[in-house]
Protein backbone atom coordinates (compact mmCIF):
# COMPACT_ATOMS: atom_id res chain seq x y z
CA LYS A 1 7.98 -3.93 1.76
CA SER A 2 10.07 -2.81 4.20
CA ASP A 3 9.98 -4.08 7.97
CA GLU A 4 10.30 -0.24 8.98
CA MET A 5 7.37 1.31 9.98
CA GLU A 6 6.18 4.59 10.12
CA PRO A 7 5.17 6.30 12.90
CA ALA A 8 1.81 6.23 14.24
CA THR A 9 -0.31 9.49 15.32
CA GLU A 10 -1.83 10.32 18.89
CA ASP A 11 -5.02 8.98 17.40
CA ASP A 12 -3.71 5.89 15.80
CA GLN A 13 -2.30 4.93 19.67
CA LYS A 14 -5.65 6.00 20.61
CA ILE A 15 -7.09 2.98 18.78
CA GLY A 16 -4.63 0.40 19.39
CA ILE A 17 -2.27 1.62 16.29
CA LYS A 18 1.44 1.81 17.16
CA GLY A 19 2.74 2.79 13.26
CA TRP A 20 2.36 1.89 10.27
CA LYS A 21 4.03 -0.70 6.91
CA ARG A 22 4.19 0.07 3.52
CA VAL A 23 3.41 -2.84 1.40
CA GLU A 24 5.12 -2.58 -2.02
CA ASP A 25 3.60 -3.69 -5.56
CA SER A 26 6.56 -6.15 -6.51
CA ASN A 27 5.72 -5.56 -9.97
CA ASN A 28 6.14 -1.57 -9.40
CA LYS A 29 8.04 -0.26 -6.83
CA ASP A 30 6.47 3.21 -6.72
CA ARG A 31 2.95 1.68 -6.30
CA PHE A 32 2.29 0.68 -2.50
CA ILE A 33 -0.65 0.70 0.32
CA MET A 34 0.30 1.66 3.58
CA LEU A 35 -1.30 -0.74 6.59
CA PRO A 36 -1.84 -0.32 10.34
CA VAL A 37 0.20 -2.50 12.49
CA PHE A 38 -1.85 -3.02 15.89
CA ASP A 39 -0.13 -3.50 20.17
CA SER A 40 -1.06 -6.94 20.89
CA GLN A 41 -1.78 -4.83 24.26
CA PHE A 42 -4.47 -3.20 22.85
CA PHE A 43 -6.41 -6.17 22.77
CA ASP A 44 -7.83 -7.83 25.87
CA ASP A 45 -6.88 -11.68 26.75
CA ASP A 46 -9.45 -13.59 25.08
CA GLU A 47 -8.50 -11.25 21.72
CA ARG A 48 -5.06 -11.36 22.43
CA ALA A 49 -4.92 -14.70 21.89
CA LYS A 50 -6.58 -14.78 18.63
CA ILE A 51 -3.23 -12.51 17.44
CA PRO A 52 -1.01 -14.44 14.78
CA MET A 53 2.44 -15.06 16.24
CA THR A 54 5.43 -15.76 14.80
CA GLY A 55 6.75 -19.62 16.11
CA ASP A 56 2.79 -20.34 16.15
CA ASP A 57 1.98 -24.27 14.80
CA GLU A 58 1.21 -22.10 11.66
CA HIS A 59 4.09 -20.29 11.52
CA PRO A 60 2.78 -17.33 9.52
CA GLU A 61 5.82 -15.50 8.93
CA LYS A 62 7.02 -18.32 6.77
CA TYR A 63 4.21 -17.37 4.39
CA VAL A 64 5.77 -17.03 1.12
CA ASP A 65 3.79 -14.28 -1.23
CA HIS A 66 4.54 -15.25 -4.57
CA GLN A 67 1.16 -13.62 -5.68
CA ASN A 68 1.88 -10.21 -4.71
CA LEU A 69 -1.35 -11.14 -2.89
CA LEU A 70 -0.59 -8.59 0.59
CA TYR A 71 -0.02 -5.77 -1.80
CA LYS A 72 -3.58 -6.65 -3.37
CA THR A 73 -5.33 -7.76 -0.88
CA ALA A 74 -3.84 -3.95 0.74
CA ALA A 75 -5.16 -1.91 -2.30
CA ILE A 76 -8.51 -3.85 -2.28
CA TRP A 77 -9.53 -3.37 1.55
CA ARG A 78 -7.81 0.35 1.78
CA GLY A 79 -7.89 1.89 -1.49
CA MET A 80 -11.11 0.41 -3.22
CA ASN A 81 -13.38 -0.51 0.59
CA GLN A 82 -13.88 -3.74 -1.56
CA THR A 83 -14.11 -6.98 -0.06
CA PRO A 84 -12.06 -9.43 -1.47
CA ALA A 85 -12.05 -13.00 -2.56
CA LEU A 86 -9.53 -16.31 -3.30
CA ASN A 87 -10.72 -18.93 -5.62
CA GLY A 88 -8.41 -22.28 -5.22
CA ILE A 89 -8.32 -25.74 -4.73
CA ALA A 90 -7.88 -26.98 -1.47
CA GLY A 91 -4.21 -26.77 0.29
CA VAL A 92 -3.38 -23.84 -1.70
CA GLY A 93 -3.23 -21.47 1.16
CA LYS A 94 -6.02 -19.76 0.79
CA THR A 95 -7.11 -19.22 4.26
CA GLU A 96 -2.83 -19.37 5.21
CA PHE A 97 -2.97 -15.68 3.34
CA PHE A 98 -5.00 -14.52 5.69
CA ARG A 99 -4.05 -15.52 8.54
CA TYR A 100 -0.63 -13.92 7.06
CA ALA A 101 -2.57 -10.97 6.32
CA ALA A 102 -3.71 -10.59 10.11
CA TRP A 103 0.05 -11.20 11.93
CA PHE A 104 1.44 -8.74 9.41
CA MET A 105 -1.01 -6.19 11.13
CA GLY A 106 -1.10 -7.72 14.49
CA LEU A 107 -4.80 -7.99 14.60
CA PRO A 108 -6.96 -11.06 16.17
CA PHE A 109 -7.98 -13.99 13.41
CA GLU A 110 -11.32 -14.83 12.98
CA ARG A 111 -12.27 -17.79 10.64
CA ILE A 112 -15.29 -18.62 9.84
CA SER A 113 -15.58 -21.87 8.01
CA ILE A 114 -19.68 -22.67 6.35
CA THR A 115 -20.58 -25.95 5.62
CA ASN A 116 -24.35 -27.20 5.03
CA ARG A 117 -25.22 -27.11 8.16
CA THR A 118 -23.94 -23.68 9.24
CA GLU A 119 -26.74 -21.88 11.33
CA LEU A 120 -28.15 -18.39 10.57
CA ASP A 121 -28.06 -18.07 14.11
CA ASP A 122 -24.62 -19.32 15.23
CA LEU A 123 -22.99 -16.50 12.48
CA ALA A 124 -26.06 -13.88 13.58
CA GLY A 125 -27.20 -14.06 16.69
CA LYS A 126 -30.99 -15.35 18.23
CA MET A 127 -33.16 -13.96 20.68
CA GLN A 128 -32.36 -14.80 24.51
CA VAL A 129 -34.77 -15.17 27.50
CA HIS A 130 -32.90 -15.00 30.79
CA PRO A 131 -34.51 -14.59 34.54
CA ASP A 132 -32.29 -11.93 35.42
CA LYS A 133 -32.32 -10.24 31.69
CA GLY A 134 -35.68 -10.62 30.78
CA THR A 135 -35.39 -10.94 26.69
CA TYR A 136 -32.70 -9.76 25.28
CA PHE A 137 -30.85 -10.46 22.10
CA GLN A 138 -27.61 -12.51 21.98
CA TYR A 139 -24.92 -11.53 19.43
CA GLY A 140 -23.05 -14.29 17.13
CA ARG A 141 -19.62 -14.31 15.58
CA ILE A 142 -20.20 -11.67 11.83
CA PRO A 143 -21.72 -8.90 14.19
CA LYS A 144 -19.72 -9.37 17.21
CA ALA A 145 -16.04 -9.08 14.77
CA TRP A 146 -17.87 -6.73 12.44
CA ASN A 147 -17.26 -3.53 14.75
CA LYS A 148 -13.74 -4.65 16.29
CA PRO A 149 -10.22 -4.28 14.31
CA CYS A 150 -9.48 -7.79 13.08
CA VAL A 151 -9.24 -9.66 10.32
CA ILE A 152 -11.99 -12.05 8.70
CA VAL A 153 -12.15 -15.31 6.40
CA ILE A 154 -15.34 -16.54 5.79
CA ASP A 155 -14.52 -19.85 4.19
CA GLU A 156 -16.45 -21.16 1.21
CA PRO A 157 -19.87 -19.07 2.49
CA ASN A 158 -21.55 -19.96 -1.02
CA VAL A 159 -21.78 -23.59 0.31
CA GLY A 160 -24.50 -22.67 2.73
CA PRO A 161 -27.86 -22.78 3.44
CA PRO A 162 -29.78 -19.64 1.38
CA ASP A 163 -30.40 -17.98 4.51
CA VAL A 164 -26.60 -17.89 5.26
CA TRP A 165 -25.31 -17.09 2.00
CA GLN A 166 -28.01 -13.82 1.97
CA PHE A 167 -27.19 -12.79 5.04
CA LEU A 168 -23.30 -12.37 4.19
CA ARG A 169 -23.49 -10.99 0.28
CA PRO A 170 -24.62 -7.11 1.77
CA LEU A 171 -21.37 -7.28 3.79
CA THR A 172 -19.25 -6.93 0.62
CA ASP A 173 -20.78 -4.39 -1.10
CA ASN A 174 -19.21 -0.66 -0.28
CA SER A 175 -22.16 0.11 2.68
CA LYS A 176 -20.19 -2.51 4.71
CA GLN A 177 -23.69 -1.63 7.16
CA LEU A 178 -24.28 -5.36 8.55
CA VAL A 179 -28.32 -5.70 9.13
CA LEU A 180 -29.63 -8.12 11.96
CA ASP A 181 -33.59 -7.75 11.01
CA MET A 182 -33.55 -10.67 13.82
CA ASN A 183 -33.08 -7.71 16.06
CA ASN A 184 -35.55 -5.64 15.05
CA GLY A 185 -33.11 -3.92 11.89
CA GLU A 186 -29.94 -3.35 13.72
CA ARG A 187 -27.55 -1.88 11.56
CA ILE A 188 -23.83 -1.89 12.60
CA SER A 189 -21.35 -0.88 10.83
CA LYS A 190 -17.96 -1.79 10.26
CA ASN A 191 -14.71 -0.86 12.00
CA GLU A 192 -12.34 1.14 9.97
CA TYR A 193 -10.07 -1.93 10.49
CA CYS A 194 -11.98 -4.75 10.64
CA PHE A 195 -10.67 -6.33 6.75
CA MET A 196 -12.56 -9.17 5.78
CA GLY A 197 -12.15 -11.72 3.27
CA MET A 198 -13.18 -14.93 1.45
CA ALA A 199 -12.23 -17.80 0.15
CA PHE A 200 -13.95 -20.36 -2.17
CA ASN A 201 -13.90 -23.76 -3.80
CA PRO A 202 -13.33 -23.56 -7.18
CA THR A 203 -16.89 -24.93 -8.70
CA TRP A 204 -15.13 -26.24 -11.81
CA ASP A 205 -13.93 -28.97 -9.73
CA LEU A 206 -17.00 -31.30 -9.40
CA ARG A 207 -16.30 -32.94 -6.03
CA ASN A 208 -16.92 -29.48 -4.65
CA VAL A 209 -20.84 -27.73 -4.47
CA GLY A 210 -22.18 -24.68 -3.95
């Protein structure tokens, strides 16, 4: 991959893109995918705080991509419109790869860890009642991230309760539409620059569930 960026168009700049970086296939330099690089000033303070930065405690700039994952994942995201999933034992860097991808593109990083106690309301949202607002729907973590530029990694989605897993699975198909049945079937289309991935611990290890 080259450190040089191709310039962004005026339309790109309106949605926060400052340029495009070429990500090459390490096995064939003639194959490449272009990924957007965002201007951090496009985001508000809360979102900007989620962008992995050089020098952070996690040091995303030191990630070494031994397996050509950035190219493969970029091809899955941009070329195939699919959802990449990494499978491996704890500690091999599945989540850190997605943090690295967010750092590479200058995007907010949303890590959503699923356990057997995760509640659907926390992810999807729920109806609330307020004396001033009346009855309204409070969006959960997934809808808030789904329609904005960001990188989302869902850790171990298969260990969650059945309703959580059933909610997450349709997000991986080609329609990329989030349907909120709990809000009268509202449909939320995925932002073009919302990149989602999943990370699983291997099912062959008896210490893992799901």
